[in-house]
Amino acid sequence: MTLFSVEVRVTPRAGILDPQGKAINSALHSLEFAEVDDVRVGRLVRMRVRAGSEEEARRKVDEMCRKLLANPVTEDYEIAVGGR
């Protein structure tokens, strides 16, 4: 078994309201950062996963995302798997 470093980026789906992103966008505009538009706030989950291969690690983490880490109705996720 190899220990893989994994990052999962979870973001609100396009078209889904993001109140936290809207609040940050508004605050940036009030601080005179008018060039900022359409802020979206997500989260980053880092973990180390034991698996026999990178593909197996990715499959395990995908299952974790579907069961716990991301809401399949309102969020999308991306998985990046690296070596040790």
Protein backbone atom coordinates (compact mmCIF):
# COMPACT_ATOMS: atom_id res chain seq x y z
CA MET A 1 0.00 0.00 0.00
CA THR A 2 1.14 3.50 -0.83
CA LEU A 3 0.20 6.68 1.00
CA PHE A 4 -1.23 9.25 -1.41
CA SER A 5 -1.72 12.97 -0.75
CA VAL A 6 -5.16 14.02 -1.93
CA GLU A 7 -6.83 17.40 -2.29
CA VAL A 8 -10.56 17.76 -2.82
CA ARG A 9 -11.91 21.15 -3.91
CA VAL A 10 -15.62 21.53 -3.24
CA THR A 11 -17.43 24.45 -4.86
CA PRO A 12 -21.04 25.56 -5.22
CA ARG A 13 -22.55 24.50 -8.53
CA ALA A 14 -23.03 27.15 -11.19
CA GLY A 15 -26.42 28.76 -10.78
CA ILE A 16 -26.64 27.93 -7.07
CA LEU A 17 -26.77 30.95 -4.76
CA ASP A 18 -23.55 31.55 -2.81
CA PRO A 19 -24.38 33.99 0.02
CA GLN A 20 -20.84 33.88 1.40
CA GLY A 21 -19.40 34.69 -2.02
CA LYS A 22 -21.89 37.55 -2.46
CA ALA A 23 -20.94 38.98 0.96
CA ILE A 24 -17.24 38.87 0.11
CA ASN A 25 -17.89 40.41 -3.30
CA SER A 26 -19.85 43.24 -1.68
CA ALA A 27 -17.16 43.80 0.98
CA LEU A 28 -14.43 43.94 -1.67
CA HIS A 29 -16.42 46.52 -3.63
CA SER A 30 -16.86 48.61 -0.48
CA LEU A 31 -13.07 48.47 -0.06
CA GLU A 32 -12.80 49.90 -3.60
CA PHE A 33 -11.86 46.67 -5.38
CA ALA A 34 -14.39 47.30 -8.14
CA GLU A 35 -12.58 44.99 -10.57
CA VAL A 36 -13.68 41.90 -8.59
CA ASP A 37 -16.74 40.13 -9.94
CA ASP A 38 -18.63 36.93 -9.11
CA VAL A 39 -16.87 35.62 -6.00
CA ARG A 40 -17.54 31.94 -5.24
CA VAL A 41 -16.51 30.39 -1.93
CA GLY A 42 -15.75 26.71 -1.58
CA ARG A 43 -13.57 24.58 0.62
CA LEU A 44 -10.40 22.57 0.34
CA VAL A 45 -10.08 19.16 2.01
CA ARG A 46 -6.59 17.65 2.27
CA MET A 47 -6.03 14.07 3.32
CA ARG A 48 -3.62 11.19 3.04
CA VAL A 49 -5.09 7.94 1.74
CA ARG A 50 -3.57 4.46 1.71
CA ALA A 51 -4.26 2.62 -1.54
CA GLY A 52 -2.67 0.14 -3.91
CA SER A 53 -2.65 2.61 -6.81
CA GLU A 54 -3.46 6.19 -7.70
CA GLU A 55 -6.64 4.99 -9.42
CA GLU A 56 -7.75 3.15 -6.28
CA ALA A 57 -7.06 6.24 -4.15
CA ARG A 58 -9.11 8.35 -6.55
CA ARG A 59 -12.02 5.86 -6.47
CA LYS A 60 -12.00 5.80 -2.65
CA VAL A 61 -11.96 9.59 -2.39
CA ASP A 62 -14.69 9.90 -5.03
CA GLU A 63 -16.86 7.63 -2.89
CA MET A 64 -16.05 9.77 0.19
CA CYS A 65 -17.15 12.86 -1.74
CA ARG A 66 -20.41 11.28 -2.85
CA LYS A 67 -21.22 10.01 0.67
CA LEU A 68 -19.98 12.85 2.89
CA LEU A 69 -17.67 15.57 1.62
CA ALA A 70 -19.90 17.19 -1.03
CA ASN A 71 -23.62 17.72 -1.38
CA PRO A 72 -24.41 16.19 -4.78
CA VAL A 73 -27.40 18.50 -5.27
CA THR A 74 -25.65 21.83 -4.71
CA GLU A 75 -21.88 21.23 -4.99
CA ASP A 76 -19.28 20.03 -7.46
CA TYR A 77 -15.87 18.64 -6.53
CA GLU A 78 -12.47 18.05 -8.06
CA ILE A 79 -9.98 15.47 -6.83
CA ALA A 80 -6.21 15.83 -7.19
CA VAL A 81 -4.10 12.81 -6.20
CA GLY A 82 -0.35 13.01 -5.69
CA GLY A 83 2.34 10.66 -4.46
CA ARG A 84 3.66 10.50 -0.94
